[in-house]
Amino acid sequence: MHLLALSGAKVRDGLPEATPDLVRAVLLEALPRFLSVAPGEEGAALAVLRVLGDRTRADGRLNTKRHARLREAIDTCAEEHLPVMCDPRELTRPRFWGGLLRARGVDVRDAQAVRGELEELARLPYAERAGLLSLSDATESAESDAGLLCAGPVALALRPYRRALAMER
């Protein structure tokens, strides 16, 4: 919702008004850049946008035709959004760190917990930091029997990020 508002959506009664163009910008550009998702939560943003569109329609601020276009835009973007959110080639530093911290059980909404975990990681000996990141490469297939759209965020770590975390020089 915040990304919609930051992307230029009109805000009325505290809620941003989604448009098909803003939906595309948020789902295909902003979210894949900044949001790390836990397995099973890949479609949460789509659900939020659908509920927001329905709420805007129910409040009388969106006519039937515009509501249908908005739902169509969300459904069309869903086909691209879900794979992009799980594509290791699209992994960004914010998504990597968020995924790593979540995998280690850190509440990423708690700034002190995040800071403490990062300090703890920095204190680990090099061998432990490197071992922490001895994960399968992003080119290897995710666990197919997990039944999830994407593997855990940490499993998507790419070599540059693993080297950076291990503070390799």
Protein backbone atom coordinates (compact mmCIF):
# COMPACT_ATOMS: atom_id res chain seq x y z
CA MET A 1 0.00 0.00 0.00
CA HIS A 2 2.85 2.37 0.82
CA LEU A 3 4.50 1.64 -2.52
CA LEU A 4 1.28 2.60 -4.30
CA ALA A 5 1.20 5.91 -2.46
CA LEU A 6 4.90 6.49 -3.11
CA SER A 7 4.34 5.68 -6.78
CA GLY A 8 1.92 8.57 -7.11
CA ALA A 9 -1.48 7.09 -6.27
CA LYS A 10 -4.13 9.48 -5.05
CA VAL A 11 -4.80 8.91 -1.37
CA ARG A 12 -8.37 9.29 -0.17
CA ASP A 13 -9.58 8.41 3.29
CA GLY A 14 -6.13 7.04 4.07
CA LEU A 15 -6.12 4.47 1.24
CA PRO A 16 -4.25 4.81 -2.06
CA GLU A 17 -6.30 4.45 -5.23
CA ALA A 18 -4.77 1.83 -7.48
CA THR A 19 -4.77 2.23 -11.25
CA PRO A 20 -3.69 -0.37 -13.84
CA ASP A 21 -0.46 1.54 -14.54
CA LEU A 22 0.40 1.86 -10.85
CA VAL A 23 -0.38 -1.82 -10.31
CA ARG A 24 2.11 -2.74 -13.06
CA ALA A 25 4.76 -0.43 -11.63
CA VAL A 26 4.39 -1.81 -8.11
CA LEU A 27 4.09 -5.50 -8.97
CA LEU A 28 6.71 -5.68 -11.69
CA GLU A 29 9.23 -3.04 -10.64
CA ALA A 30 9.05 -1.95 -6.99
CA LEU A 31 8.16 -5.15 -5.15
CA PRO A 32 10.72 -7.38 -6.90
CA ARG A 33 13.36 -4.79 -6.07
CA PHE A 34 12.65 -4.33 -2.38
CA LEU A 35 10.50 -7.13 -0.94
CA SER A 36 11.76 -10.48 0.22
CA VAL A 37 9.01 -13.03 0.62
CA ALA A 38 8.81 -16.13 2.71
CA PRO A 39 7.77 -19.34 0.98
CA GLY A 40 4.01 -19.44 0.67
CA GLU A 41 3.61 -15.64 0.78
CA GLU A 42 4.42 -14.94 -2.87
CA GLY A 43 0.85 -13.89 -3.74
CA ALA A 44 0.19 -11.68 -0.72
CA ALA A 45 0.69 -8.43 -2.64
CA LEU A 46 -1.75 -9.59 -5.31
CA ALA A 47 -4.35 -10.36 -2.66
CA VAL A 48 -3.87 -6.94 -1.02
CA LEU A 49 -4.31 -5.15 -4.35
CA ARG A 50 -7.45 -7.14 -5.12
CA VAL A 51 -8.95 -6.31 -1.71
CA LEU A 52 -7.99 -2.65 -2.12
CA GLY A 53 -9.69 -2.52 -5.53
CA ASP A 54 -12.81 -4.20 -4.15
CA ARG A 55 -12.89 -1.82 -1.18
CA THR A 56 -12.51 1.21 -3.47
CA ARG A 57 -15.37 -0.13 -5.62
CA ALA A 58 -17.56 -0.76 -2.57
CA ASP A 59 -16.91 2.79 -1.36
CA GLY A 60 -18.23 4.10 -4.70
CA ARG A 61 -14.94 5.63 -5.82
CA LEU A 62 -14.47 3.17 -8.69
CA ASN A 63 -17.07 2.38 -11.33
CA THR A 64 -17.66 -1.15 -12.63
CA LYS A 65 -15.66 -0.68 -15.83
CA ARG A 66 -12.59 0.77 -14.06
CA HIS A 67 -12.84 -1.94 -11.39
CA ALA A 68 -12.84 -4.64 -14.09
CA ARG A 69 -9.79 -3.04 -15.77
CA LEU A 70 -7.98 -2.92 -12.43
CA ARG A 71 -8.74 -6.59 -11.68
CA GLU A 72 -7.61 -7.52 -15.21
CA ALA A 73 -4.33 -5.62 -14.72
CA ILE A 74 -3.69 -7.42 -11.42
CA ASP A 75 -4.41 -10.81 -12.99
CA THR A 76 -2.21 -10.05 -16.00
CA CYS A 77 0.67 -8.86 -13.82
CA ALA A 78 0.33 -11.90 -11.57
CA GLU A 79 1.67 -14.12 -14.36
CA GLU A 80 4.93 -12.13 -14.38
CA HIS A 81 5.04 -11.05 -10.73
CA LEU A 82 5.10 -14.47 -9.10
CA PRO A 83 8.05 -15.88 -11.10
CA VAL A 84 10.03 -12.62 -10.79
CA MET A 85 9.67 -12.64 -7.00
CA CYS A 86 11.34 -16.06 -6.92
CA ASP A 87 13.90 -15.64 -9.71
CA PRO A 88 17.42 -15.73 -8.25
CA ARG A 89 18.64 -13.52 -11.09
CA GLU A 90 16.34 -10.79 -9.75
CA LEU A 91 17.70 -11.01 -6.21
CA THR A 92 18.63 -7.60 -4.82
CA ARG A 93 20.57 -6.75 -1.71
CA PRO A 94 17.48 -5.74 0.30
CA ARG A 95 15.75 -9.00 -0.64
CA PHE A 96 18.89 -11.04 0.11
CA TRP A 97 19.44 -9.56 3.56
CA GLY A 98 15.74 -9.71 4.42
CA GLY A 99 15.59 -13.35 3.41
CA LEU A 100 18.77 -14.25 5.26
CA LEU A 101 17.63 -12.55 8.45
CA ARG A 102 14.20 -14.18 8.27
CA ALA A 103 15.80 -17.59 7.70
CA ARG A 104 17.84 -17.03 10.87
CA GLY A 105 14.64 -16.27 12.81
CA VAL A 106 15.06 -12.49 13.09
CA ASP A 107 12.00 -10.25 13.14
CA VAL A 108 12.99 -7.87 10.34
CA ARG A 109 10.51 -5.26 11.61
CA ASP A 110 12.57 -4.89 14.79
CA ALA A 111 15.52 -2.59 14.06
CA GLN A 112 17.39 -3.61 17.21
CA ALA A 113 17.03 -7.30 16.40
CA VAL A 114 18.31 -6.72 12.86
CA ARG A 115 21.24 -4.64 14.11
CA GLY A 116 22.09 -7.28 16.73
CA GLU A 117 22.00 -10.12 14.20
CA LEU A 118 24.21 -8.19 11.75
CA GLU A 119 26.71 -7.53 14.53
CA GLU A 120 26.63 -11.20 15.47
CA LEU A 121 27.27 -12.19 11.85
CA ALA A 122 30.18 -9.75 11.67
CA ARG A 123 31.77 -11.31 14.80
CA LEU A 124 31.72 -14.83 13.37
CA PRO A 125 35.08 -16.14 12.17
CA TYR A 126 35.53 -16.07 8.42
CA ALA A 127 35.19 -19.86 8.09
CA GLU A 128 31.79 -19.80 9.84
CA ARG A 129 30.54 -16.90 7.72
CA ALA A 130 31.64 -18.70 4.57
CA GLY A 131 30.09 -21.95 5.84
CA LEU A 132 26.84 -20.18 6.57
CA LEU A 133 26.63 -19.33 2.92
CA SER A 134 27.68 -22.66 1.46
CA LEU A 135 24.33 -22.93 -0.24
CA SER A 136 23.39 -24.32 -3.61
CA ASP A 137 24.01 -21.95 -6.50
CA ALA A 138 21.07 -20.02 -7.86
CA THR A 139 21.31 -21.98 -11.10
CA GLU A 140 20.47 -25.23 -9.37
CA SER A 141 16.80 -26.09 -9.30
CA ALA A 142 14.78 -25.43 -6.20
CA GLU A 143 13.37 -28.32 -4.23
CA SER A 144 10.56 -29.54 -6.45
CA ASP A 145 8.89 -31.67 -3.80
CA ALA A 146 8.44 -28.69 -1.47
CA GLY A 147 5.25 -27.76 -3.32
CA LEU A 148 6.06 -24.07 -3.08
CA LEU A 149 6.35 -21.51 -5.82
CA CYS A 150 9.84 -20.53 -4.75
CA ALA A 151 12.52 -21.88 -2.50
CA GLY A 152 13.47 -20.19 0.73
CA PRO A 153 15.02 -16.74 0.28
CA VAL A 154 18.41 -17.85 1.56
CA ALA A 155 18.57 -20.63 -1.02
CA LEU A 156 18.55 -17.94 -3.70
CA ALA A 157 21.78 -16.32 -2.54
CA LEU A 158 24.13 -15.50 -5.36
CA ARG A 159 27.93 -15.69 -5.16
CA PRO A 160 28.53 -11.91 -4.89
CA TYR A 161 26.19 -11.69 -1.92
CA ARG A 162 27.70 -14.74 -0.28
CA ARG A 163 31.19 -13.24 -0.68
CA ALA A 164 29.98 -9.91 0.71
CA LEU A 165 28.45 -11.54 3.75
CA ALA A 166 31.59 -13.58 4.35
CA MET A 167 33.43 -10.22 4.07
CA GLU A 168 35.79 -11.77 1.61
CA ARG A 169 38.43 -9.35 0.41
